[in-house]
Amino acid sequence: MSSLPPLAGAVWHKSSHSGRGNDACVEVADNLPGIVGVRDSVDPHGPALAVTPAAWRALTTQIKTGAHTL
């Protein structure tokens, strides 16, 4: 199993699809080479996911086509 680099240096931005309230906001960092960071904006110091760009594209495509209920 390979490890992904840490998310130090990540520049986070709130997803345009996040809810208008403060309870359903996802932040994404796509400025690091080879990884996309994903975290809960309500808990910015909590855990974050680091996924490959291909995995992130696959997930967002599945969400847009209705494969996942959010």
N, C-alpha and C. Protein backbone atom coordinates (compact mmCIF):
# COMPACT_ATOMS: atom_id res chain seq x y z
N MET A 1 0.85 -1.17 0.00
CA MET A 1 0.00 0.00 0.00
C MET A 1 0.90 1.24 0.00
N SER A 2 0.61 2.18 -0.86
CA SER A 2 1.39 3.41 -0.89
C SER A 2 0.69 4.46 -0.03
N SER A 3 1.47 5.40 0.48
CA SER A 3 0.87 6.45 1.28
C SER A 3 0.83 7.73 0.46
N LEU A 4 -0.20 8.51 0.71
CA LEU A 4 -0.34 9.80 0.04
C LEU A 4 0.38 10.86 0.85
N PRO A 5 0.86 11.92 0.20
CA PRO A 5 1.54 12.98 0.95
C PRO A 5 0.55 13.68 1.89
N PRO A 6 1.05 14.28 2.94
CA PRO A 6 0.17 15.00 3.87
C PRO A 6 -0.48 16.19 3.18
N LEU A 7 -1.53 16.69 3.81
CA LEU A 7 -2.27 17.80 3.23
C LEU A 7 -1.74 19.16 3.66
N ALA A 8 -0.53 19.18 4.23
CA ALA A 8 0.08 20.46 4.57
C ALA A 8 0.24 21.27 3.30
N GLY A 9 -0.12 22.51 3.35
CA GLY A 9 -0.04 23.37 2.17
C GLY A 9 -1.30 23.36 1.33
N ALA A 10 -2.29 22.60 1.77
CA ALA A 10 -3.56 22.55 1.03
C ALA A 10 -4.26 23.90 1.11
N VAL A 11 -4.82 24.33 -0.01
CA VAL A 11 -5.64 25.54 -0.05
C VAL A 11 -7.08 25.07 -0.20
N TRP A 12 -7.87 25.27 0.86
CA TRP A 12 -9.23 24.75 0.94
C TRP A 12 -10.25 25.75 0.40
N HIS A 13 -11.26 25.24 -0.30
CA HIS A 13 -12.38 26.08 -0.71
C HIS A 13 -13.67 25.28 -0.55
N LYS A 14 -14.72 25.99 -0.20
CA LYS A 14 -16.00 25.32 0.02
C LYS A 14 -16.61 24.91 -1.31
N SER A 15 -17.14 23.72 -1.34
CA SER A 15 -17.79 23.23 -2.55
C SER A 15 -18.98 24.11 -2.89
N SER A 16 -19.16 24.39 -4.17
CA SER A 16 -20.32 25.18 -4.60
C SER A 16 -21.63 24.43 -4.40
N HIS A 17 -21.55 23.13 -4.16
CA HIS A 17 -22.74 22.32 -3.95
C HIS A 17 -23.06 22.10 -2.48
N SER A 18 -22.28 22.71 -1.59
CA SER A 18 -22.55 22.56 -0.16
C SER A 18 -23.81 23.33 0.20
N GLY A 19 -24.42 22.91 1.27
CA GLY A 19 -25.65 23.56 1.74
C GLY A 19 -25.39 25.00 2.16
N ARG A 20 -26.46 25.78 2.18
CA ARG A 20 -26.33 27.18 2.58
C ARG A 20 -26.14 27.33 4.09
N GLY A 21 -26.59 26.36 4.87
CA GLY A 21 -26.39 26.40 6.31
C GLY A 21 -24.98 26.02 6.67
N ASN A 22 -24.69 26.02 7.93
CA ASN A 22 -23.33 25.69 8.38
C ASN A 22 -23.15 24.22 8.72
N ASP A 23 -24.17 23.39 8.46
CA ASP A 23 -24.10 22.01 8.91
C ASP A 23 -23.82 21.00 7.81
N ALA A 24 -23.72 21.41 6.57
CA ALA A 24 -23.51 20.45 5.48
C ALA A 24 -22.53 21.02 4.46
N CYS A 25 -21.36 21.38 4.92
CA CYS A 25 -20.39 22.01 4.02
C CYS A 25 -19.15 21.15 3.84
N VAL A 26 -18.80 20.93 2.61
CA VAL A 26 -17.60 20.18 2.27
C VAL A 26 -16.59 21.15 1.69
N GLU A 27 -15.35 21.01 2.12
CA GLU A 27 -14.28 21.80 1.55
C GLU A 27 -13.34 20.87 0.78
N VAL A 28 -12.82 21.39 -0.32
CA VAL A 28 -11.96 20.61 -1.20
C VAL A 28 -10.66 21.39 -1.41
N ALA A 29 -9.57 20.67 -1.43
CA ALA A 29 -8.27 21.26 -1.77
C ALA A 29 -7.73 20.51 -2.98
N ASP A 30 -7.59 21.23 -4.08
CA ASP A 30 -7.12 20.58 -5.31
C ASP A 30 -5.84 21.22 -5.83
N ASN A 31 -5.10 21.86 -4.94
CA ASN A 31 -3.87 22.52 -5.36
C ASN A 31 -2.61 21.68 -5.19
N LEU A 32 -2.75 20.48 -4.63
CA LEU A 32 -1.58 19.63 -4.41
C LEU A 32 -1.45 18.61 -5.53
N PRO A 33 -0.25 18.39 -6.03
CA PRO A 33 -0.09 17.46 -7.14
C PRO A 33 -0.43 16.02 -6.75
N GLY A 34 -1.31 15.41 -7.52
CA GLY A 34 -1.61 13.99 -7.35
C GLY A 34 -2.64 13.64 -6.30
N ILE A 35 -3.16 14.62 -5.54
CA ILE A 35 -4.18 14.32 -4.54
C ILE A 35 -5.24 15.41 -4.49
N VAL A 36 -6.39 15.04 -4.00
CA VAL A 36 -7.47 15.98 -3.71
C VAL A 36 -7.82 15.78 -2.24
N GLY A 37 -7.81 16.86 -1.49
CA GLY A 37 -8.18 16.80 -0.08
C GLY A 37 -9.66 17.11 0.08
N VAL A 38 -10.31 16.43 1.01
CA VAL A 38 -11.73 16.65 1.28
C VAL A 38 -11.91 16.68 2.80
N ARG A 39 -12.63 17.69 3.29
CA ARG A 39 -12.87 17.77 4.73
C ARG A 39 -14.21 18.45 5.00
N ASP A 40 -14.65 18.33 6.24
CA ASP A 40 -15.87 18.97 6.72
C ASP A 40 -15.51 20.38 7.16
N SER A 41 -16.14 21.39 6.59
CA SER A 41 -15.78 22.77 6.93
C SER A 41 -16.18 23.13 8.36
N VAL A 42 -17.11 22.41 8.95
CA VAL A 42 -17.51 22.67 10.33
C VAL A 42 -16.40 22.25 11.29
N ASP A 43 -15.57 21.29 10.88
CA ASP A 43 -14.48 20.78 11.72
C ASP A 43 -13.17 20.83 10.94
N PRO A 44 -12.66 22.03 10.63
CA PRO A 44 -11.48 22.12 9.78
C PRO A 44 -10.21 21.52 10.37
N HIS A 45 -10.18 21.30 11.67
CA HIS A 45 -9.00 20.69 12.29
C HIS A 45 -9.20 19.20 12.52
N GLY A 46 -10.35 18.70 12.10
CA GLY A 46 -10.66 17.28 12.24
C GLY A 46 -10.05 16.49 11.10
N PRO A 47 -10.50 15.27 10.92
CA PRO A 47 -9.94 14.41 9.88
C PRO A 47 -10.24 14.94 8.48
N ALA A 48 -9.37 14.61 7.56
CA ALA A 48 -9.55 14.96 6.15
C ALA A 48 -9.19 13.74 5.32
N LEU A 49 -9.81 13.64 4.17
CA LEU A 49 -9.52 12.56 3.25
C LEU A 49 -8.54 13.06 2.19
N ALA A 50 -7.67 12.18 1.75
CA ALA A 50 -6.79 12.47 0.62
C ALA A 50 -7.04 11.37 -0.40
N VAL A 51 -7.55 11.77 -1.56
CA VAL A 51 -7.89 10.80 -2.61
C VAL A 51 -7.20 11.21 -3.91
N THR A 52 -7.12 10.28 -4.82
CA THR A 52 -6.53 10.61 -6.12
C THR A 52 -7.52 11.46 -6.91
N PRO A 53 -7.03 12.26 -7.84
CA PRO A 53 -7.94 13.02 -8.68
C PRO A 53 -8.93 12.12 -9.43
N ALA A 54 -8.50 10.95 -9.87
CA ALA A 54 -9.39 10.03 -10.58
C ALA A 54 -10.52 9.55 -9.67
N ALA A 55 -10.18 9.24 -8.42
CA ALA A 55 -11.21 8.80 -7.47
C ALA A 55 -12.19 9.93 -7.19
N TRP A 56 -11.71 11.15 -7.06
CA TRP A 56 -12.58 12.30 -6.81
C TRP A 56 -13.51 12.54 -8.00
N ARG A 57 -12.97 12.46 -9.22
CA ARG A 57 -13.81 12.63 -10.42
C ARG A 57 -14.87 11.55 -10.48
N ALA A 58 -14.49 10.31 -10.17
CA ALA A 58 -15.47 9.21 -10.20
C ALA A 58 -16.58 9.44 -9.19
N LEU A 59 -16.23 9.85 -7.98
CA LEU A 59 -17.25 10.10 -6.96
C LEU A 59 -18.18 11.24 -7.36
N THR A 60 -17.61 12.35 -7.81
CA THR A 60 -18.47 13.49 -8.17
C THR A 60 -19.34 13.16 -9.38
N THR A 61 -18.84 12.37 -10.30
CA THR A 61 -19.66 11.94 -11.45
C THR A 61 -20.82 11.07 -10.97
N GLN A 62 -20.54 10.14 -10.06
CA GLN A 62 -21.59 9.28 -9.54
C GLN A 62 -22.65 10.09 -8.78
N ILE A 63 -22.22 11.08 -8.02
CA ILE A 63 -23.17 11.93 -7.30
C ILE A 63 -24.05 12.69 -8.29
N LYS A 64 -23.44 13.26 -9.32
CA LYS A 64 -24.19 14.04 -10.31
C LYS A 64 -25.20 13.18 -11.07
N THR A 65 -24.90 11.90 -11.25
CA THR A 65 -25.82 11.03 -12.00
C THR A 65 -26.83 10.34 -11.10
N GLY A 66 -26.78 10.65 -9.79
CA GLY A 66 -27.78 10.11 -8.87
C GLY A 66 -27.45 8.74 -8.30
N ALA A 67 -26.21 8.28 -8.46
CA ALA A 67 -25.85 6.96 -7.94
C ALA A 67 -25.77 6.95 -6.42
N HIS A 68 -25.61 8.11 -5.81
CA HIS A 68 -25.53 8.21 -4.35
C HIS A 68 -26.57 9.21 -3.85
N THR A 69 -27.25 8.87 -2.80
CA THR A 69 -28.20 9.78 -2.17
C THR A 69 -27.47 10.54 -1.07
N LEU A 70 -27.53 11.85 -1.16
CA LEU A 70 -26.85 12.66 -0.16
C LEU A 70 -27.84 13.21 0.83
